[in-house]
Structures are given as structure tokens and as C-alpha cells.
Amino acid sequence: MDKTNAAVPSDELWSVFDFARRYRLEKREENRLLMLFGPYASAHELLTNARRHSLIS
């Protein structure tokens, strides 16, 4: 079986907007991801590059 045609789950494209809502990212972080990737990116790219600031100081 040729693996080049097989879909890899991490290659699934996500809306950056939906990703930010799901992971409760700040608007500033959402905008940073939009500037990096545009409106869509792979789940792997988003999870690797997202920064979630702690709500507890």
C-alpha cells in the first residue's frame, strides 16, 4: 500500500478561529496564529505553536 496517498490525522486542517475558541486562547494569541498561518492550519502546527497563558498569577 502506498502511504503517500493515505491521510494522516495530523494533516487535518482546522480553522484558527475554531481552534482558539476550543482551547480558550486570548484574542491576541488568536491574532498571532492568524498572522503565522492564515485562516487554516494543520492541527499539529496549531498545537505546536499556540501559547496559552496561565489564568492564575
PDB file of N, CA and C in Angstrom:
ATOM      1  N   MET A   1       0.837  -1.182   0.000  1.00  0.00           N
ATOM      2  CA  MET A   1       0.000   0.000   0.000  1.00  0.00           C
ATOM      3  C   MET A   1       0.881   1.244   0.000  1.00  0.00           C
ATOM      4  N   ASP A   2       0.560   2.182  -0.832  1.00  0.00           N
ATOM      5  CA  ASP A   2       1.324   3.415  -0.948  1.00  0.00           C
ATOM      6  C   ASP A   2       0.858   4.411   0.113  1.00  0.00           C
ATOM      7  N   LYS A   3       1.750   4.780   1.020  1.00  0.00           N
ATOM      8  CA  LYS A   3       1.383   5.669   2.122  1.00  0.00           C
ATOM      9  C   LYS A   3       1.334   7.140   1.712  1.00  0.00           C
ATOM     10  N   THR A   4       1.790   7.482   0.535  1.00  0.00           N
ATOM     11  CA  THR A   4       1.770   8.891   0.118  1.00  0.00           C
ATOM     12  C   THR A   4       0.346   9.392  -0.091  1.00  0.00           C
ATOM     13  N   ASN A   5      -0.589   8.504  -0.394  1.00  0.00           N
ATOM     14  CA  ASN A   5      -1.979   8.906  -0.599  1.00  0.00           C
ATOM     15  C   ASN A   5      -2.824   8.758   0.661  1.00  0.00           C
ATOM     16  N   ALA A   6      -2.279   8.150   1.695  1.00  0.00           N
ATOM     17  CA  ALA A   6      -3.024   7.945   2.930  1.00  0.00           C
ATOM     18  C   ALA A   6      -3.110   9.250   3.711  1.00  0.00           C
ATOM     19  N   ALA A   7      -4.284   9.545   4.222  1.00  0.00           N
ATOM     20  CA  ALA A   7      -4.473  10.765   5.005  1.00  0.00           C
ATOM     21  C   ALA A   7      -3.941  10.547   6.417  1.00  0.00           C
ATOM     22  N   VAL A   8      -3.199  11.504   6.895  1.00  0.00           N
ATOM     23  CA  VAL A   8      -2.656  11.465   8.246  1.00  0.00           C
ATOM     24  C   VAL A   8      -3.513  12.381   9.113  1.00  0.00           C
ATOM     25  N   PRO A   9      -3.993  11.928  10.272  1.00  0.00           N
ATOM     26  CA  PRO A   9      -4.873  12.756  11.103  1.00  0.00           C
ATOM     27  C   PRO A   9      -4.273  14.113  11.453  1.00  0.00           C
ATOM     28  N   SER A  10      -2.956  14.208  11.627  1.00  0.00           N
ATOM     29  CA  SER A  10      -2.345  15.475  11.998  1.00  0.00           C
ATOM     30  C   SER A  10      -2.343  16.460  10.832  1.00  0.00           C
ATOM     31  N   ASP A  11      -2.618  15.974   9.609  1.00  0.00           N
ATOM     32  CA  ASP A  11      -2.683  16.855   8.447  1.00  0.00           C
ATOM     33  C   ASP A  11      -4.059  17.482   8.275  1.00  0.00           C
ATOM     34  N   GLU A  12      -4.984  17.140   9.155  1.00  0.00           N
ATOM     35  CA  GLU A  12      -6.327  17.702   9.088  1.00  0.00           C
ATOM     36  C   GLU A  12      -6.257  19.212   9.307  1.00  0.00           C
ATOM     37  N   LEU A  13      -6.908  19.974   8.439  1.00  0.00           N
ATOM     38  CA  LEU A  13      -6.893  21.427   8.579  1.00  0.00           C
ATOM     39  C   LEU A  13      -7.973  21.881   9.544  1.00  0.00           C
ATOM     40  N   TRP A  14      -7.590  22.811  10.392  1.00  0.00           N
ATOM     41  CA  TRP A  14      -8.500  23.405  11.367  1.00  0.00           C
ATOM     42  C   TRP A  14      -8.629  24.885  11.078  1.00  0.00           C
ATOM     43  N   SER A  15      -9.770  25.436  11.381  1.00  0.00           N
ATOM     44  CA  SER A  15      -9.948  26.878  11.373  1.00  0.00           C
ATOM     45  C   SER A  15      -9.212  27.423  12.597  1.00  0.00           C
ATOM     46  N   VAL A  16      -8.389  28.434  12.393  1.00  0.00           N
ATOM     47  CA  VAL A  16      -7.667  29.040  13.519  1.00  0.00           C
ATOM     48  C   VAL A  16      -8.671  29.623  14.508  1.00  0.00           C
ATOM     49  N   PHE A  17      -9.744  30.208  14.013  1.00  0.00           N
ATOM     50  CA  PHE A  17     -10.789  30.773  14.869  1.00  0.00           C
ATOM     51  C   PHE A  17     -11.395  29.697  15.776  1.00  0.00           C
ATOM     52  N   ASP A  18     -11.764  28.544  15.196  1.00  0.00           N
ATOM     53  CA  ASP A  18     -12.349  27.448  15.982  1.00  0.00           C
ATOM     54  C   ASP A  18     -11.351  26.881  16.982  1.00  0.00           C
ATOM     55  N   PHE A  19     -10.103  26.766  16.570  1.00  0.00           N
ATOM     56  CA  PHE A  19      -9.058  26.267  17.460  1.00  0.00           C
ATOM     57  C   PHE A  19      -8.911  27.183  18.678  1.00  0.00           C
ATOM     58  N   ALA A  20      -8.896  28.491  18.427  1.00  0.00           N
ATOM     59  CA  ALA A  20      -8.753  29.458  19.523  1.00  0.00           C
ATOM     60  C   ALA A  20      -9.927  29.371  20.489  1.00  0.00           C
ATOM     61  N   ARG A  21     -11.120  29.175  19.975  1.00  0.00           N
ATOM     62  CA  ARG A  21     -12.297  29.050  20.850  1.00  0.00           C
ATOM     63  C   ARG A  21     -12.241  27.757  21.655  1.00  0.00           C
ATOM     64  N   ARG A  22     -11.879  26.673  21.002  1.00  0.00           N
ATOM     65  CA  ARG A  22     -11.848  25.375  21.672  1.00  0.00           C
ATOM     66  C   ARG A  22     -10.835  25.358  22.813  1.00  0.00           C
ATOM     67  N   TYR A  23      -9.671  25.973  22.587  1.00  0.00           N
ATOM     68  CA  TYR A  23      -8.614  25.974  23.592  1.00  0.00           C
ATOM     69  C   TYR A  23      -8.580  27.249  24.432  1.00  0.00           C
ATOM     70  N   ARG A  24      -9.622  28.060  24.301  1.00  0.00           N
ATOM     71  CA  ARG A  24      -9.796  29.277  25.115  1.00  0.00           C
ATOM     72  C   ARG A  24      -8.572  30.187  25.082  1.00  0.00           C
ATOM     73  N   LEU A  25      -8.092  30.435  23.870  1.00  0.00           N
ATOM     74  CA  LEU A  25      -6.946  31.317  23.713  1.00  0.00           C
ATOM     75  C   LEU A  25      -7.398  32.769  23.736  1.00  0.00           C
ATOM     76  N   GLU A  26      -6.510  33.628  24.174  1.00  0.00           N
ATOM     77  CA  GLU A  26      -6.799  35.053  24.163  1.00  0.00           C
ATOM     78  C   GLU A  26      -6.864  35.543  22.719  1.00  0.00           C
ATOM     79  N   LYS A  27      -7.566  36.657  22.523  1.00  0.00           N
ATOM     80  CA  LYS A  27      -7.701  37.228  21.186  1.00  0.00           C
ATOM     81  C   LYS A  27      -6.327  37.577  20.598  1.00  0.00           C
ATOM     82  N   ARG A  28      -5.431  38.027  21.434  1.00  0.00           N
ATOM     83  CA  ARG A  28      -4.074  38.370  20.986  1.00  0.00           C
ATOM     84  C   ARG A  28      -3.349  37.143  20.417  1.00  0.00           C
ATOM     85  N   GLU A  29      -3.505  36.008  21.085  1.00  0.00           N
ATOM     86  CA  GLU A  29      -2.876  34.770  20.615  1.00  0.00           C
ATOM     87  C   GLU A  29      -3.549  34.280  19.332  1.00  0.00           C
ATOM     88  N   GLU A  30      -4.861  34.407  19.268  1.00  0.00           N
ATOM     89  CA  GLU A  30      -5.580  34.040  18.046  1.00  0.00           C
ATOM     90  C   GLU A  30      -5.064  34.869  16.859  1.00  0.00           C
ATOM     91  N   ASN A  31      -4.884  36.156  17.064  1.00  0.00           N
ATOM     92  CA  ASN A  31      -4.383  37.034  16.005  1.00  0.00           C
ATOM     93  C   ASN A  31      -2.959  36.656  15.596  1.00  0.00           C
ATOM     94  N   ARG A  32      -2.133  36.269  16.566  1.00  0.00           N
ATOM     95  CA  ARG A  32      -0.765  35.849  16.256  1.00  0.00           C
ATOM     96  C   ARG A  32      -0.770  34.601  15.372  1.00  0.00           C
ATOM     97  N   LEU A  33      -1.629  33.640  15.707  1.00  0.00           N
ATOM     98  CA  LEU A  33      -1.725  32.422  14.902  1.00  0.00           C
ATOM     99  C   LEU A  33      -2.268  32.721  13.506  1.00  0.00           C
ATOM    100  N   LEU A  34      -3.211  33.646  13.416  1.00  0.00           N
ATOM    101  CA  LEU A  34      -3.736  34.042  12.106  1.00  0.00           C
ATOM    102  C   LEU A  34      -2.648  34.672  11.246  1.00  0.00           C
ATOM    103  N   MET A  35      -1.787  35.477  11.856  1.00  0.00           N
ATOM    104  CA  MET A  35      -0.693  36.085  11.106  1.00  0.00           C
ATOM    105  C   MET A  35       0.321  35.033  10.654  1.00  0.00           C
ATOM    106  N   LEU A  36       0.552  34.029  11.485  1.00  0.00           N
ATOM    107  CA  LEU A  36       1.508  32.971  11.137  1.00  0.00           C
ATOM    108  C   LEU A  36       0.995  32.063  10.020  1.00  0.00           C
ATOM    109  N   PHE A  37      -0.262  31.630  10.131  1.00  0.00           N
ATOM    110  CA  PHE A  37      -0.769  30.574   9.261  1.00  0.00           C
ATOM    111  C   PHE A  37      -1.891  30.982   8.319  1.00  0.00           C
ATOM    112  N   GLY A  38      -2.530  32.101   8.547  1.00  0.00           N
ATOM    113  CA  GLY A  38      -3.730  32.435   7.785  1.00  0.00           C
ATOM    114  C   GLY A  38      -4.929  31.793   8.469  1.00  0.00           C
ATOM    115  N   PRO A  39      -6.054  31.704   7.785  1.00  0.00           N
ATOM    116  CA  PRO A  39      -7.285  31.223   8.432  1.00  0.00           C
ATOM    117  C   PRO A  39      -7.306  29.730   8.750  1.00  0.00           C
ATOM    118  N   TYR A  40      -6.455  28.919   8.107  1.00  0.00           N
ATOM    119  CA  TYR A  40      -6.445  27.473   8.340  1.00  0.00           C
ATOM    120  C   TYR A  40      -5.026  26.969   8.520  1.00  0.00           C
ATOM    121  N   ALA A  41      -4.887  25.971   9.399  1.00  0.00           N
ATOM    122  CA  ALA A  41      -3.592  25.335   9.620  1.00  0.00           C
ATOM    123  C   ALA A  41      -3.840  23.904  10.094  1.00  0.00           C
ATOM    124  N   SER A  42      -2.795  23.102  10.007  1.00  0.00           N
ATOM    125  CA  SER A  42      -2.946  21.720  10.479  1.00  0.00           C
ATOM    126  C   SER A  42      -3.028  21.714  12.007  1.00  0.00           C
ATOM    127  N   ALA A  43      -3.660  20.688  12.525  1.00  0.00           N
ATOM    128  CA  ALA A  43      -3.802  20.558  13.973  1.00  0.00           C
ATOM    129  C   ALA A  43      -2.424  20.517  14.634  1.00  0.00           C
ATOM    130  N   HIS A  44      -1.495  19.838  14.011  1.00  0.00           N
ATOM    131  CA  HIS A  44      -0.147  19.727  14.564  1.00  0.00           C
ATOM    132  C   HIS A  44       0.525  21.098  14.656  1.00  0.00           C
ATOM    133  N   GLU A  45       0.423  21.898  13.605  1.00  0.00           N
ATOM    134  CA  GLU A  45       1.032  23.235  13.618  1.00  0.00           C
ATOM    135  C   GLU A  45       0.421  24.108  14.710  1.00  0.00           C
ATOM    136  N   LEU A  46      -0.890  24.055  14.837  1.00  0.00           N
ATOM    137  CA  LEU A  46      -1.562  24.885  15.842  1.00  0.00           C
ATOM    138  C   LEU A  46      -1.188  24.457  17.258  1.00  0.00           C
ATOM    139  N   LEU A  47      -1.215  23.166  17.507  1.00  0.00           N
ATOM    140  CA  LEU A  47      -0.884  22.684  18.847  1.00  0.00           C
ATOM    141  C   LEU A  47       0.571  22.962  19.210  1.00  0.00           C
ATOM    142  N   THR A  48       1.442  22.899  18.227  1.00  0.00           N
ATOM    143  CA  THR A  48       2.860  23.139  18.466  1.00  0.00           C
ATOM    144  C   THR A  48       3.164  24.609  18.718  1.00  0.00           C
ATOM    145  N   ASN A  49       2.445  25.502  18.054  1.00  0.00           N
ATOM    146  CA  ASN A  49       2.782  26.922  18.098  1.00  0.00           C
ATOM    147  C   ASN A  49       1.921  27.764  19.036  1.00  0.00           C
ATOM    148  N   ALA A  50       0.826  27.236  19.518  1.00  0.00           N
ATOM    149  CA  ALA A  50      -0.056  28.014  20.380  1.00  0.00           C
ATOM    150  C   ALA A  50       0.560  28.194  21.759  1.00  0.00           C
ATOM    151  N   ARG A  51       0.391  29.386  22.295  1.00  0.00           N
ATOM    152  CA  ARG A  51       0.831  29.683  23.661  1.00  0.00           C
ATOM    153  C   ARG A  51      -0.410  29.992  24.477  1.00  0.00           C
ATOM    154  N   ARG A  52      -0.559  29.270  25.554  1.00  0.00           N
ATOM    155  CA  ARG A  52      -1.716  29.514  26.432  1.00  0.00           C
ATOM    156  C   ARG A  52      -1.181  30.082  27.723  1.00  0.00           C
ATOM    157  N   HIS A  53      -1.552  31.321  28.003  1.00  0.00           N
ATOM    158  CA  HIS A  53      -1.092  31.995  29.200  1.00  0.00           C
ATOM    159  C   HIS A  53      -1.922  31.535  30.404  1.00  0.00           C
ATOM    160  N   SER A  54      -1.266  31.378  31.501  1.00  0.00           N
ATOM    161  CA  SER A  54      -1.927  30.932  32.716  1.00  0.00           C
ATOM    162  C   SER A  54      -2.911  31.985  33.216  1.00  0.00           C
ATOM    163  N   LEU A  55      -4.069  31.509  33.658  1.00  0.00           N
ATOM    164  CA  LEU A  55      -5.058  32.426  34.215  1.00  0.00           C
ATOM    165  C   LEU A  55      -4.768  32.725  35.676  1.00  0.00           C
ATOM    166  N   ILE A  56      -3.898  31.925  36.292  1.00  0.00           N
ATOM    167  CA  ILE A  56      -3.541  32.122  37.700  1.00  0.00           C
ATOM    168  C   ILE A  56      -2.173  32.777  37.757  1.00  0.00           C
ATOM    169  N   SER A  57      -2.109  33.911  38.431  1.00  0.00           N
ATOM    170  CA  SER A  57      -0.826  34.639  38.536  1.00  0.00           C
ATOM    171  C   SER A  57      -0.113  34.301  39.809  1.00  0.00           C
TER     172      SER A  57
END
